[in-house]
Amino acid sequence: MISLVTPTLNSAKYLETLIQSVQKDSFVEKHIIVDSYSTDQTVEIAKSHGCIVLHCKPGNMYTAINKGIATTSTKYVSYINSDDIWKGYNESFFNKSDILYSDIDFIDSSNRFLHSFRSA
């Protein structure tokens, strides 16, 4: 029902945590990784979890995001950064919405809660 696009460049340190959080959400149909030619294990991690992997020249993450968005035909699409955790949406969002946005919880590299941003 929703496709997620993740731009990456040497994101191996956090990528597996993101992918595992995405895989818990049954509404995510595709997870597209658009990599800017990482030199670490980013691509291997993405492929090992069944993500679609595309490549984009380094320099502009929004070019990478747009490339990923252009490859999908799901009704909904979003992007998430490689060092984030996907919390997902529930079915009621999809049945009543054309555009979705959400609150953000900021956590540090040890998964400690720092603060939140609540959207309107």
PDB file of N, CA and C in Angstrom:
ATOM      1  N   MET A   1       0.812  -1.195   0.000  1.00  0.00           N
ATOM      2  CA  MET A   1       0.000   0.000   0.000  1.00  0.00           C
ATOM      3  C   MET A   1       0.860   1.265   0.000  1.00  0.00           C
ATOM      4  N   ILE A   2       2.010   1.233   0.687  1.00  0.00           N
ATOM      5  CA  ILE A   2       2.923   2.383   0.706  1.00  0.00           C
ATOM      6  C   ILE A   2       4.316   1.903   0.340  1.00  0.00           C
ATOM      7  N   SER A   3       5.022   2.738  -0.391  1.00  0.00           N
ATOM      8  CA  SER A   3       6.436   2.495  -0.685  1.00  0.00           C
ATOM      9  C   SER A   3       7.259   3.494   0.103  1.00  0.00           C
ATOM     10  N   LEU A   4       8.377   3.045   0.613  1.00  0.00           N
ATOM     11  CA  LEU A   4       9.310   3.919   1.318  1.00  0.00           C
ATOM     12  C   LEU A   4      10.583   4.023   0.512  1.00  0.00           C
ATOM     13  N   VAL A   5      11.126   5.232   0.439  1.00  0.00           N
ATOM     14  CA  VAL A   5      12.386   5.482  -0.245  1.00  0.00           C
ATOM     15  C   VAL A   5      13.390   5.945   0.804  1.00  0.00           C
ATOM     16  N   THR A   6      14.565   5.345   0.784  1.00  0.00           N
ATOM     17  CA  THR A   6      15.632   5.730   1.704  1.00  0.00           C
ATOM     18  C   THR A   6      16.887   6.064   0.913  1.00  0.00           C
ATOM     19  N   PRO A   7      17.335   7.321   0.961  1.00  0.00           N
ATOM     20  CA  PRO A   7      18.612   7.666   0.336  1.00  0.00           C
ATOM     21  C   PRO A   7      19.743   7.235   1.265  1.00  0.00           C
ATOM     22  N   THR A   8      20.806   6.682   0.692  1.00  0.00           N
ATOM     23  CA  THR A   8      21.927   6.226   1.526  1.00  0.00           C
ATOM     24  C   THR A   8      23.272   6.618   0.944  1.00  0.00           C
ATOM     25  N   LEU A   9      24.214   6.785   1.849  1.00  0.00           N
ATOM     26  CA  LEU A   9      25.636   6.922   1.527  1.00  0.00           C
ATOM     27  C   LEU A   9      26.390   6.497   2.771  1.00  0.00           C
ATOM     28  N   ASN A  10      27.010   5.327   2.697  1.00  0.00           N
ATOM     29  CA  ASN A  10      27.752   4.762   3.833  1.00  0.00           C
ATOM     30  C   ASN A  10      26.893   4.745   5.096  1.00  0.00           C
ATOM     31  N   SER A  11      25.765   4.077   4.989  1.00  0.00           N
ATOM     32  CA  SER A  11      24.763   4.044   6.047  1.00  0.00           C
ATOM     33  C   SER A  11      24.699   2.719   6.786  1.00  0.00           C
ATOM     34  N   ALA A  12      25.698   1.890   6.645  1.00  0.00           N
ATOM     35  CA  ALA A  12      25.659   0.550   7.229  1.00  0.00           C
ATOM     36  C   ALA A  12      25.445   0.558   8.740  1.00  0.00           C
ATOM     37  N   LYS A  13      25.942   1.554   9.422  1.00  0.00           N
ATOM     38  CA  LYS A  13      25.866   1.592  10.888  1.00  0.00           C
ATOM     39  C   LYS A  13      24.422   1.553  11.389  1.00  0.00           C
ATOM     40  N   TYR A  14      23.494   2.204  10.692  1.00  0.00           N
ATOM     41  CA  TYR A  14      22.113   2.319  11.153  1.00  0.00           C
ATOM     42  C   TYR A  14      21.084   1.614  10.271  1.00  0.00           C
ATOM     43  N   LEU A  15      21.459   1.249   9.070  1.00  0.00           N
ATOM     44  CA  LEU A  15      20.485   0.794   8.079  1.00  0.00           C
ATOM     45  C   LEU A  15      19.710  -0.445   8.511  1.00  0.00           C
ATOM     46  N   GLU A  16      20.361  -1.389   9.111  1.00  0.00           N
ATOM     47  CA  GLU A  16      19.662  -2.618   9.506  1.00  0.00           C
ATOM     48  C   GLU A  16      18.549  -2.328  10.514  1.00  0.00           C
ATOM     49  N   THR A  17      18.801  -1.419  11.446  1.00  0.00           N
ATOM     50  CA  THR A  17      17.769  -1.046  12.419  1.00  0.00           C
ATOM     51  C   THR A  17      16.565  -0.437  11.717  1.00  0.00           C
ATOM     52  N   LEU A  18      16.817   0.440  10.753  1.00  0.00           N
ATOM     53  CA  LEU A  18      15.719   1.017   9.976  1.00  0.00           C
ATOM     54  C   LEU A  18      14.945  -0.073   9.242  1.00  0.00           C
ATOM     55  N   ILE A  19      15.636  -0.912   8.515  1.00  0.00           N
ATOM     56  CA  ILE A  19      14.973  -1.944   7.706  1.00  0.00           C
ATOM     57  C   ILE A  19      14.128  -2.855   8.589  1.00  0.00           C
ATOM     58  N   GLN A  20      14.643  -3.241   9.730  1.00  0.00           N
ATOM     59  CA  GLN A  20      13.882  -4.100  10.629  1.00  0.00           C
ATOM     60  C   GLN A  20      12.614  -3.396  11.122  1.00  0.00           C
ATOM     61  N   SER A  21      12.691  -2.088  11.371  1.00  0.00           N
ATOM     62  CA  SER A  21      11.495  -1.358  11.801  1.00  0.00           C
ATOM     63  C   SER A  21      10.473  -1.273  10.670  1.00  0.00           C
ATOM     64  N   VAL A  22      10.939  -1.129   9.442  1.00  0.00           N
ATOM     65  CA  VAL A  22      10.045  -1.065   8.280  1.00  0.00           C
ATOM     66  C   VAL A  22       9.363  -2.413   8.063  1.00  0.00           C
ATOM     67  N   GLN A  23      10.092  -3.493   8.229  1.00  0.00           N
ATOM     68  CA  GLN A  23       9.546  -4.818   7.964  1.00  0.00           C
ATOM     69  C   GLN A  23       8.460  -5.225   8.952  1.00  0.00           C
ATOM     70  N   LYS A  24       8.340  -4.529  10.057  1.00  0.00           N
ATOM     71  CA  LYS A  24       7.275  -4.805  11.035  1.00  0.00           C
ATOM     72  C   LYS A  24       5.925  -4.239  10.587  1.00  0.00           C
ATOM     73  N   ASP A  25       5.918  -3.364   9.593  1.00  0.00           N
ATOM     74  CA  ASP A  25       4.699  -2.689   9.144  1.00  0.00           C
ATOM     75  C   ASP A  25       4.151  -3.387   7.901  1.00  0.00           C
ATOM     76  N   SER A  26       3.022  -4.051   8.047  1.00  0.00           N
ATOM     77  CA  SER A  26       2.444  -4.802   6.930  1.00  0.00           C
ATOM     78  C   SER A  26       1.928  -3.904   5.806  1.00  0.00           C
ATOM     79  N   PHE A  27       1.804  -2.592   6.049  1.00  0.00           N
ATOM     80  CA  PHE A  27       1.339  -1.681   5.009  1.00  0.00           C
ATOM     81  C   PHE A  27       2.456  -1.261   4.052  1.00  0.00           C
ATOM     82  N   VAL A  28       3.704  -1.523   4.404  1.00  0.00           N
ATOM     83  CA  VAL A  28       4.818  -1.175   3.516  1.00  0.00           C
ATOM     84  C   VAL A  28       4.951  -2.267   2.465  1.00  0.00           C
ATOM     85  N   GLU A  29       4.703  -1.868   1.236  1.00  0.00           N
ATOM     86  CA  GLU A  29       4.768  -2.809   0.118  1.00  0.00           C
ATOM     87  C   GLU A  29       6.188  -2.924  -0.439  1.00  0.00           C
ATOM     88  N   LYS A  30       6.874  -1.784  -0.542  1.00  0.00           N
ATOM     89  CA  LYS A  30       8.226  -1.759  -1.103  1.00  0.00           C
ATOM     90  C   LYS A  30       9.104  -0.844  -0.257  1.00  0.00           C
ATOM     91  N   HIS A  31      10.344  -1.253  -0.067  1.00  0.00           N
ATOM     92  CA  HIS A  31      11.342  -0.377   0.552  1.00  0.00           C
ATOM     93  C   HIS A  31      12.464  -0.229  -0.469  1.00  0.00           C
ATOM     94  N   ILE A  32      12.597   0.974  -0.973  1.00  0.00           N
ATOM     95  CA  ILE A  32      13.555   1.266  -2.044  1.00  0.00           C
ATOM     96  C   ILE A  32      14.732   2.022  -1.449  1.00  0.00           C
ATOM     97  N   ILE A  33      15.906   1.456  -1.581  1.00  0.00           N
ATOM     98  CA  ILE A  33      17.144   2.088  -1.135  1.00  0.00           C
ATOM     99  C   ILE A  33      17.806   2.700  -2.362  1.00  0.00           C
ATOM    100  N   VAL A  34      18.064   4.008  -2.320  1.00  0.00           N
ATOM    101  CA  VAL A  34      18.763   4.671  -3.422  1.00  0.00           C
ATOM    102  C   VAL A  34      20.127   5.068  -2.892  1.00  0.00           C
ATOM    103  N   ASP A  35      21.120   4.297  -3.290  1.00  0.00           N
ATOM    104  CA  ASP A  35      22.461   4.442  -2.736  1.00  0.00           C
ATOM    105  C   ASP A  35      23.363   5.282  -3.629  1.00  0.00           C
ATOM    106  N   SER A  36      24.167   6.106  -2.992  1.00  0.00           N
ATOM    107  CA  SER A  36      25.116   6.969  -3.716  1.00  0.00           C
ATOM    108  C   SER A  36      26.522   6.376  -3.697  1.00  0.00           C
ATOM    109  N   TYR A  37      26.607   5.095  -4.063  1.00  0.00           N
ATOM    110  CA  TYR A  37      27.869   4.370  -4.216  1.00  0.00           C
ATOM    111  C   TYR A  37      28.641   4.293  -2.902  1.00  0.00           C
ATOM    112  N   SER A  38      27.977   3.742  -1.895  1.00  0.00           N
ATOM    113  CA  SER A  38      28.601   3.535  -0.586  1.00  0.00           C
ATOM    114  C   SER A  38      29.815   2.634  -0.695  1.00  0.00           C
ATOM    115  N   THR A  39      30.764   2.867   0.193  1.00  0.00           N
ATOM    116  CA  THR A  39      31.974   2.040   0.243  1.00  0.00           C
ATOM    117  C   THR A  39      31.964   1.107   1.454  1.00  0.00           C
ATOM    118  N   ASP A  40      30.902   1.141   2.243  1.00  0.00           N
ATOM    119  CA  ASP A  40      30.767   0.217   3.366  1.00  0.00           C
ATOM    120  C   ASP A  40      29.781  -0.890   2.966  1.00  0.00           C
ATOM    121  N   GLN A  41      29.127  -1.516   3.890  1.00  0.00           N
ATOM    122  CA  GLN A  41      28.238  -2.648   3.619  1.00  0.00           C
ATOM    123  C   GLN A  41      26.775  -2.248   3.380  1.00  0.00           C
ATOM    124  N   THR A  42      26.511  -0.993   3.107  1.00  0.00           N
ATOM    125  CA  THR A  42      25.142  -0.507   2.946  1.00  0.00           C
ATOM    126  C   THR A  42      24.353  -1.326   1.923  1.00  0.00           C
ATOM    127  N   VAL A  43      24.870  -1.487   0.740  1.00  0.00           N
ATOM    128  CA  VAL A  43      24.145  -2.186  -0.329  1.00  0.00           C
ATOM    129  C   VAL A  43      23.918  -3.644   0.035  1.00  0.00           C
ATOM    130  N   GLU A  44      24.915  -4.288   0.595  1.00  0.00           N
ATOM    131  CA  GLU A  44      24.786  -5.694   0.974  1.00  0.00           C
ATOM    132  C   GLU A  44      23.709  -5.876   2.037  1.00  0.00           C
ATOM    133  N   ILE A  45      23.651  -4.979   3.013  1.00  0.00           N
ATOM    134  CA  ILE A  45      22.627  -5.053   4.056  1.00  0.00           C
ATOM    135  C   ILE A  45      21.243  -4.897   3.433  1.00  0.00           C
ATOM    136  N   ALA A  46      21.086  -3.908   2.572  1.00  0.00           N
ATOM    137  CA  ALA A  46      19.786  -3.677   1.929  1.00  0.00           C
ATOM    138  C   ALA A  46      19.345  -4.893   1.121  1.00  0.00           C
ATOM    139  N   LYS A  47      20.236  -5.432   0.325  1.00  0.00           N
ATOM    140  CA  LYS A  47      19.897  -6.599  -0.497  1.00  0.00           C
ATOM    141  C   LYS A  47      19.581  -7.819   0.355  1.00  0.00           C
ATOM    142  N   SER A  48      20.296  -7.996   1.458  1.00  0.00           N
ATOM    143  CA  SER A  48      20.069  -9.170   2.310  1.00  0.00           C
ATOM    144  C   SER A  48      18.688  -9.153   2.959  1.00  0.00           C
ATOM    145  N   HIS A  49      18.068  -7.981   3.017  1.00  0.00           N
ATOM    146  CA  HIS A  49      16.720  -7.860   3.588  1.00  0.00           C
ATOM    147  C   HIS A  49      15.642  -7.726   2.515  1.00  0.00           C
ATOM    148  N   GLY A  50      16.011  -7.908   1.267  1.00  0.00           N
ATOM    149  CA  GLY A  50      15.036  -7.888   0.181  1.00  0.00           C
ATOM    150  C   GLY A  50      14.616  -6.514  -0.293  1.00  0.00           C
ATOM    151  N   CYS A  51      15.361  -5.490   0.072  1.00  0.00           N
ATOM    152  CA  CYS A  51      15.046  -4.138  -0.398  1.00  0.00           C
ATOM    153  C   CYS A  51      15.396  -4.003  -1.877  1.00  0.00           C
ATOM    154  N   ILE A  52      14.706  -3.130  -2.556  1.00  0.00           N
ATOM    155  CA  ILE A  52      15.051  -2.769  -3.926  1.00  0.00           C
ATOM    156  C   ILE A  52      16.196  -1.768  -3.824  1.00  0.00           C
ATOM    157  N   VAL A  53      17.281  -1.999  -4.571  1.00  0.00           N
ATOM    158  CA  VAL A  53      18.442  -1.112  -4.497  1.00  0.00           C
ATOM    159  C   VAL A  53      18.662  -0.446  -5.852  1.00  0.00           C
ATOM    160  N   LEU A  54      18.676   0.876  -5.831  1.00  0.00           N
ATOM    161  CA  LEU A  54      18.999   1.688  -6.997  1.00  0.00           C
ATOM    162  C   LEU A  54      20.250   2.493  -6.672  1.00  0.00           C
ATOM    163  N   HIS A  55      20.847   3.095  -7.692  1.00  0.00           N
ATOM    164  CA  HIS A  55      22.035   3.927  -7.466  1.00  0.00           C
ATOM    165  C   HIS A  55      21.822   5.321  -8.052  1.00  0.00           C
ATOM    166  N   CYS A  56      22.436   6.284  -7.396  1.00  0.00           N
ATOM    167  CA  CYS A  56      22.343   7.680  -7.800  1.00  0.00           C
ATOM    168  C   CYS A  56      23.660   8.354  -7.447  1.00  0.00           C
ATOM    169  N   LYS A  57      24.143   9.221  -8.307  1.00  0.00           N
ATOM    170  CA  LYS A  57      25.417   9.871  -8.021  1.00  0.00           C
ATOM    171  C   LYS A  57      25.331  10.664  -6.713  1.00  0.00           C
ATOM    172  N   PRO A  58      26.423  10.727  -5.970  1.00  0.00           N
ATOM    173  CA  PRO A  58      26.428  11.462  -4.696  1.00  0.00           C
ATOM    174  C   PRO A  58      26.247  12.956  -4.899  1.00  0.00           C
ATOM    175  N   GLY A  59      25.781  13.629  -3.849  1.00  0.00           N
ATOM    176  CA  GLY A  59      25.738  15.080  -3.894  1.00  0.00           C
ATOM    177  C   GLY A  59      24.404  15.710  -3.580  1.00  0.00           C
ATOM    178  N   ASN A  60      23.295  14.991  -3.789  1.00  0.00           N
ATOM    179  CA  ASN A  60      22.004  15.595  -3.522  1.00  0.00           C
ATOM    180  C   ASN A  60      21.017  14.501  -3.129  1.00  0.00           C
ATOM    181  N   MET A  61      20.705  14.419  -1.834  1.00  0.00           N
ATOM    182  CA  MET A  61      19.828  13.350  -1.367  1.00  0.00           C
ATOM    183  C   MET A  61      18.425  13.463  -1.968  1.00  0.00           C
ATOM    184  N   TYR A  62      18.004  14.674  -2.327  1.00  0.00           N
ATOM    185  CA  TYR A  62      16.661  14.836  -2.889  1.00  0.00           C
ATOM    186  C   TYR A  62      16.589  14.295  -4.315  1.00  0.00           C
ATOM    187  N   THR A  63      17.688  14.340  -5.031  1.00  0.00           N
ATOM    188  CA  THR A  63      17.739  13.683  -6.334  1.00  0.00           C
ATOM    189  C   THR A  63      17.564  12.182  -6.152  1.00  0.00           C
ATOM    190  N   ALA A  64      18.209  11.631  -5.138  1.00  0.00           N
ATOM    191  CA  ALA A  64      18.065  10.202  -4.845  1.00  0.00           C
ATOM    192  C   ALA A  64      16.632   9.864  -4.442  1.00  0.00           C
ATOM    193  N   ILE A  65      16.041  10.679  -3.590  1.00  0.00           N
ATOM    194  CA  ILE A  65      14.656  10.442  -3.172  1.00  0.00           C
ATOM    195  C   ILE A  65      13.728  10.484  -4.377  1.00  0.00           C
ATOM    196  N   ASN A  66      13.881  11.480  -5.220  1.00  0.00           N
ATOM    197  CA  ASN A  66      13.028  11.589  -6.414  1.00  0.00           C
ATOM    198  C   ASN A  66      13.209  10.404  -7.350  1.00  0.00           C
ATOM    199  N   LYS A  67      14.429   9.906  -7.458  1.00  0.00           N
ATOM    200  CA  LYS A  67      14.666   8.728  -8.302  1.00  0.00           C
ATOM    201  C   LYS A  67      13.895   7.536  -7.760  1.00  0.00           C
ATOM    202  N   GLY A  68      13.929   7.349  -6.447  1.00  0.00           N
ATOM    203  CA  GLY A  68      13.189   6.249  -5.840  1.00  0.00           C
ATOM    204  C   GLY A  68      11.693   6.402  -6.011  1.00  0.00           C
ATOM    205  N   ILE A  69      11.187   7.603  -5.795  1.00  0.00           N
ATOM    206  CA  ILE A  69       9.752   7.861  -5.939  1.00  0.00           C
ATOM    207  C   ILE A  69       9.294   7.575  -7.371  1.00  0.00           C
ATOM    208  N   ALA A  70      10.123   7.922  -8.338  1.00  0.00           N
ATOM    209  CA  ALA A  70       9.767   7.733  -9.748  1.00  0.00           C
ATOM    210  C   ALA A  70       9.632   6.263 -10.136  1.00  0.00           C
ATOM    211  N   THR A  71      10.180   5.368  -9.341  1.00  0.00           N
ATOM    212  CA  THR A  71      10.152   3.948  -9.705  1.00  0.00           C
ATOM    213  C   THR A  71       8.966   3.193  -9.119  1.00  0.00           C
ATOM    214  N   THR A  72       8.151   3.846  -8.324  1.00  0.00           N
ATOM    215  CA  THR A  72       7.077   3.127  -7.652  1.00  0.00           C
ATOM    216  C   THR A  72       5.709   3.570  -8.156  1.00  0.00           C
ATOM    217  N   SER A  73       4.754   2.670  -8.038  1.00  0.00           N
ATOM    218  CA  SER A  73       3.394   2.982  -8.475  1.00  0.00           C
ATOM    219  C   SER A  73       2.379   2.749  -7.360  1.00  0.00           C
ATOM    220  N   THR A  74       2.842   2.602  -6.128  1.00  0.00           N
ATOM    221  CA  THR A  74       1.904   2.427  -5.023  1.00  0.00           C
ATOM    222  C   THR A  74       1.108   3.711  -4.821  1.00  0.00           C
ATOM    223  N   LYS A  75      -0.032   3.586  -4.175  1.00  0.00           N
ATOM    224  CA  LYS A  75      -0.898   4.750  -3.959  1.00  0.00           C
ATOM    225  C   LYS A  75      -0.211   5.796  -3.089  1.00  0.00           C
ATOM    226  N   TYR A  76       0.544   5.351  -2.096  1.00  0.00           N
ATOM    227  CA  TYR A  76       1.237   6.261  -1.191  1.00  0.00           C
ATOM    228  C   TYR A  76       2.732   6.003  -1.264  1.00  0.00           C
ATOM    229  N   VAL A  77       3.501   7.058  -1.070  1.00  0.00           N
ATOM    230  CA  VAL A  77       4.953   6.944  -1.051  1.00  0.00           C
ATOM    231  C   VAL A  77       5.483   7.945  -0.038  1.00  0.00           C
ATOM    232  N   SER A  78       6.554   7.556   0.630  1.00  0.00           N
ATOM    233  CA  SER A  78       7.191   8.440   1.597  1.00  0.00           C
ATOM    234  C   SER A  78       8.685   8.171   1.552  1.00  0.00           C
ATOM    235  N   TYR A  79       9.439   9.047   2.178  1.00  0.00           N
ATOM    236  CA  TYR A  79      10.856   8.752   2.331  1.00  0.00           C
ATOM    237  C   TYR A  79      11.213   8.806   3.799  1.00  0.00           C
ATOM    238  N   ILE A  80      12.252   8.071   4.113  1.00  0.00           N
ATOM    239  CA  ILE A  80      12.761   8.029   5.478  1.00  0.00           C
ATOM    240  C   ILE A  80      14.275   7.934   5.401  1.00  0.00           C
ATOM    241  N   ASN A  81      14.942   8.659   6.264  1.00  0.00           N
ATOM    242  CA  ASN A  81      16.404   8.643   6.268  1.00  0.00           C
ATOM    243  C   ASN A  81      16.928   7.342   6.859  1.00  0.00           C
ATOM    244  N   SER A  82      18.145   6.996   6.505  1.00  0.00           N
ATOM    245  CA  SER A  82      18.707   5.702   6.889  1.00  0.00           C
ATOM    246  C   SER A  82      18.985   5.572   8.381  1.00  0.00           C
ATOM    247  N   ASP A  83      19.086   6.674   9.098  1.00  0.00           N
ATOM    248  CA  ASP A  83      19.339   6.597  10.532  1.00  0.00           C
ATOM    249  C   ASP A  83      18.074   6.849  11.364  1.00  0.00           C
ATOM    250  N   ASP A  84      16.904   6.694  10.727  1.00  0.00           N
ATOM    251  CA  ASP A  84      15.629   6.839  11.409  1.00  0.00           C
ATOM    252  C   ASP A  84      15.018   5.474  11.706  1.00  0.00           C
ATOM    253  N   ILE A  85      13.935   5.469  12.460  1.00  0.00           N
ATOM    254  CA  ILE A  85      13.168   4.255  12.733  1.00  0.00           C
ATOM    255  C   ILE A  85      11.739   4.507  12.276  1.00  0.00           C
ATOM    256  N   TRP A  86      11.185   3.575  11.512  1.00  0.00           N
ATOM    257  CA  TRP A  86       9.828   3.693  10.980  1.00  0.00           C
ATOM    258  C   TRP A  86       8.834   3.247  12.045  1.00  0.00           C
ATOM    259  N   LYS A  87       7.902   4.106  12.380  1.00  0.00           N
ATOM    260  CA  LYS A  87       6.856   3.770  13.344  1.00  0.00           C
ATOM    261  C   LYS A  87       5.581   3.311  12.650  1.00  0.00           C
ATOM    262  N   GLY A  88       5.411   3.688  11.400  1.00  0.00           N
ATOM    263  CA  GLY A  88       4.285   3.225  10.610  1.00  0.00           C
ATOM    264  C   GLY A  88       3.008   4.004  10.822  1.00  0.00           C
ATOM    265  N   TYR A  89       2.020   3.639  10.032  1.00  0.00           N
ATOM    266  CA  TYR A  89       0.682   4.203  10.096  1.00  0.00           C
ATOM    267  C   TYR A  89      -0.287   3.061  10.305  1.00  0.00           C
ATOM    268  N   ASN A  90      -1.487   3.362  10.779  1.00  0.00           N
ATOM    269  CA  ASN A  90      -2.489   2.304  10.848  1.00  0.00           C
ATOM    270  C   ASN A  90      -3.474   2.471   9.694  1.00  0.00           C
ATOM    271  N   GLU A  91      -4.323   1.497   9.515  1.00  0.00           N
ATOM    272  CA  GLU A  91      -5.203   1.458   8.353  1.00  0.00           C
ATOM    273  C   GLU A  91      -6.115   2.678   8.248  1.00  0.00           C
ATOM    274  N   SER A  92      -6.525   3.246   9.361  1.00  0.00           N
ATOM    275  CA  SER A  92      -7.438   4.395   9.313  1.00  0.00           C
ATOM    276  C   SER A  92      -6.807   5.592   8.606  1.00  0.00           C
ATOM    277  N   PHE A  93      -5.494   5.742   8.688  1.00  0.00           N
ATOM    278  CA  PHE A  93      -4.835   6.828   7.965  1.00  0.00           C
ATOM    279  C   PHE A  93      -5.015   6.666   6.468  1.00  0.00           C
ATOM    280  N   PHE A  94      -4.822   5.466   5.987  1.00  0.00           N
ATOM    281  CA  PHE A  94      -4.878   5.226   4.555  1.00  0.00           C
ATOM    282  C   PHE A  94      -6.292   5.359   3.999  1.00  0.00           C
ATOM    283  N   ASN A  95      -7.285   5.015   4.770  1.00  0.00           N
ATOM    284  CA  ASN A  95      -8.656   5.057   4.293  1.00  0.00           C
ATOM    285  C   ASN A  95      -9.233   6.463   4.238  1.00  0.00           C
ATOM    286  N   LYS A  96      -8.629   7.416   4.923  1.00  0.00           N
ATOM    287  CA  LYS A  96      -9.214   8.750   5.020  1.00  0.00           C
ATOM    288  C   LYS A  96      -8.282   9.856   4.528  1.00  0.00           C
ATOM    289  N   SER A  97      -7.140   9.524   3.956  1.00  0.00           N
ATOM    290  CA  SER A  97      -6.130  10.545   3.705  1.00  0.00           C
ATOM    291  C   SER A  97      -5.618  10.532   2.277  1.00  0.00           C
ATOM    292  N   ASP A  98      -5.251  11.720   1.827  1.00  0.00           N
ATOM    293  CA  ASP A  98      -4.541  11.863   0.560  1.00  0.00           C
ATOM    294  C   ASP A  98      -3.073  12.172   0.810  1.00  0.00           C
ATOM    295  N   ILE A  99      -2.788  12.900   1.881  1.00  0.00           N
ATOM    296  CA  ILE A  99      -1.420  13.246   2.269  1.00  0.00           C
ATOM    297  C   ILE A  99      -1.245  12.890   3.733  1.00  0.00           C
ATOM    298  N   LEU A 100      -0.125  12.262   4.055  1.00  0.00           N
ATOM    299  CA  LEU A 100       0.155  11.866   5.427  1.00  0.00           C
ATOM    300  C   LEU A 100       1.434  12.531   5.912  1.00  0.00           C
ATOM    301  N   TYR A 101       1.448  12.942   7.154  1.00  0.00           N
ATOM    302  CA  TYR A 101       2.671  13.388   7.807  1.00  0.00           C
ATOM    303  C   TYR A 101       2.544  13.017   9.270  1.00  0.00           C
ATOM    304  N   SER A 102       3.640  13.049   9.991  1.00  0.00           N
ATOM    305  CA  SER A 102       3.570  12.480  11.334  1.00  0.00           C
ATOM    306  C   SER A 102       4.429  13.229  12.332  1.00  0.00           C
ATOM    307  N   ASP A 103       4.301  12.804  13.578  1.00  0.00           N
ATOM    308  CA  ASP A 103       5.132  13.301  14.654  1.00  0.00           C
ATOM    309  C   ASP A 103       6.519  12.676  14.538  1.00  0.00           C
ATOM    310  N   ILE A 104       7.482  13.283  15.213  1.00  0.00           N
ATOM    311  CA  ILE A 104       8.856  12.780  15.181  1.00  0.00           C
ATOM    312  C   ILE A 104       9.369  12.666  16.607  1.00  0.00           C
ATOM    313  N   ASP A 105       9.947  11.528  16.922  1.00  0.00           N
ATOM    314  CA  ASP A 105      10.672  11.355  18.178  1.00  0.00           C
ATOM    315  C   ASP A 105      12.156  11.312  17.838  1.00  0.00           C
ATOM    316  N   PHE A 106      12.933  12.138  18.489  1.00  0.00           N
ATOM    317  CA  PHE A 106      14.377  12.171  18.282  1.00  0.00           C
ATOM    318  C   PHE A 106      15.031  11.267  19.310  1.00  0.00           C
ATOM    319  N   ILE A 107      15.894  10.368  18.832  1.00  0.00           N
ATOM    320  CA  ILE A 107      16.637   9.468  19.708  1.00  0.00           C
ATOM    321  C   ILE A 107      18.113   9.557  19.354  1.00  0.00           C
ATOM    322  N   ASP A 108      18.972   9.204  20.296  1.00  0.00           N
ATOM    323  CA  ASP A 108      20.403   9.249  20.001  1.00  0.00           C
ATOM    324  C   ASP A 108      20.880   7.880  19.524  1.00  0.00           C
ATOM    325  N   SER A 109      22.169   7.745  19.276  1.00  0.00           N
ATOM    326  CA  SER A 109      22.710   6.505  18.716  1.00  0.00           C
ATOM    327  C   SER A 109      22.625   5.327  19.681  1.00  0.00           C
ATOM    328  N   SER A 110      22.289   5.580  20.935  1.00  0.00           N
ATOM    329  CA  SER A 110      22.089   4.510  21.922  1.00  0.00           C
ATOM    330  C   SER A 110      20.602   4.235  22.145  1.00  0.00           C
ATOM    331  N   ASN A 111      19.765   4.728  21.256  1.00  0.00           N
ATOM    332  CA  ASN A 111      18.315   4.579  21.317  1.00  0.00           C
ATOM    333  C   ASN A 111      17.686   5.240  22.533  1.00  0.00           C
ATOM    334  N   ARG A 112      18.324   6.281  23.051  1.00  0.00           N
ATOM    335  CA  ARG A 112      17.755   7.036  24.165  1.00  0.00           C
ATOM    336  C   ARG A 112      16.905   8.166  23.609  1.00  0.00           C
ATOM    337  N   PHE A 113      15.702   8.315  24.164  1.00  0.00           N
ATOM    338  CA  PHE A 113      14.776   9.366  23.753  1.00  0.00           C
ATOM    339  C   PHE A 113      15.362  10.722  24.112  1.00  0.00           C
ATOM    340  N   LEU A 114      15.355  11.673  23.165  1.00  0.00           N
ATOM    341  CA  LEU A 114      15.840  13.026  23.407  1.00  0.00           C
ATOM    342  C   LEU A 114      14.695  14.023  23.531  1.00  0.00           C
ATOM    343  N   HIS A 115      13.846  14.095  22.493  1.00  0.00           N
ATOM    344  CA  HIS A 115      12.673  14.972  22.533  1.00  0.00           C
ATOM    345  C   HIS A 115      11.766  14.638  21.354  1.00  0.00           C
ATOM    346  N   SER A 116      10.610  15.260  21.345  1.00  0.00           N
ATOM    347  CA  SER A 116       9.621  15.007  20.293  1.00  0.00           C
ATOM    348  C   SER A 116       9.260  16.284  19.563  1.00  0.00           C
ATOM    349  N   PHE A 117       8.798  16.118  18.345  1.00  0.00           N
ATOM    350  CA  PHE A 117       8.165  17.187  17.584  1.00  0.00           C
ATOM    351  C   PHE A 117       6.788  16.683  17.232  1.00  0.00           C
ATOM    352  N   ARG A 118       5.774  17.398  17.621  1.00  0.00           N
ATOM    353  CA  ARG A 118       4.397  16.997  17.335  1.00  0.00           C
ATOM    354  C   ARG A 118       3.837  17.881  16.225  1.00  0.00           C
ATOM    355  N   SER A 119       3.390  17.251  15.171  1.00  0.00           N
ATOM    356  CA  SER A 119       2.840  18.009  14.046  1.00  0.00           C
ATOM    357  C   SER A 119       1.433  18.499  14.374  1.00  0.00           C
ATOM    358  N   ALA A 120       0.986  19.451  13.597  1.00  0.00           N
ATOM    359  CA  ALA A 120      -0.339  20.052  13.838  1.00  0.00           C
ATOM    360  C   ALA A 120      -1.445  19.055  13.621  1.00  0.00           C
TER     361      ALA A 120
END
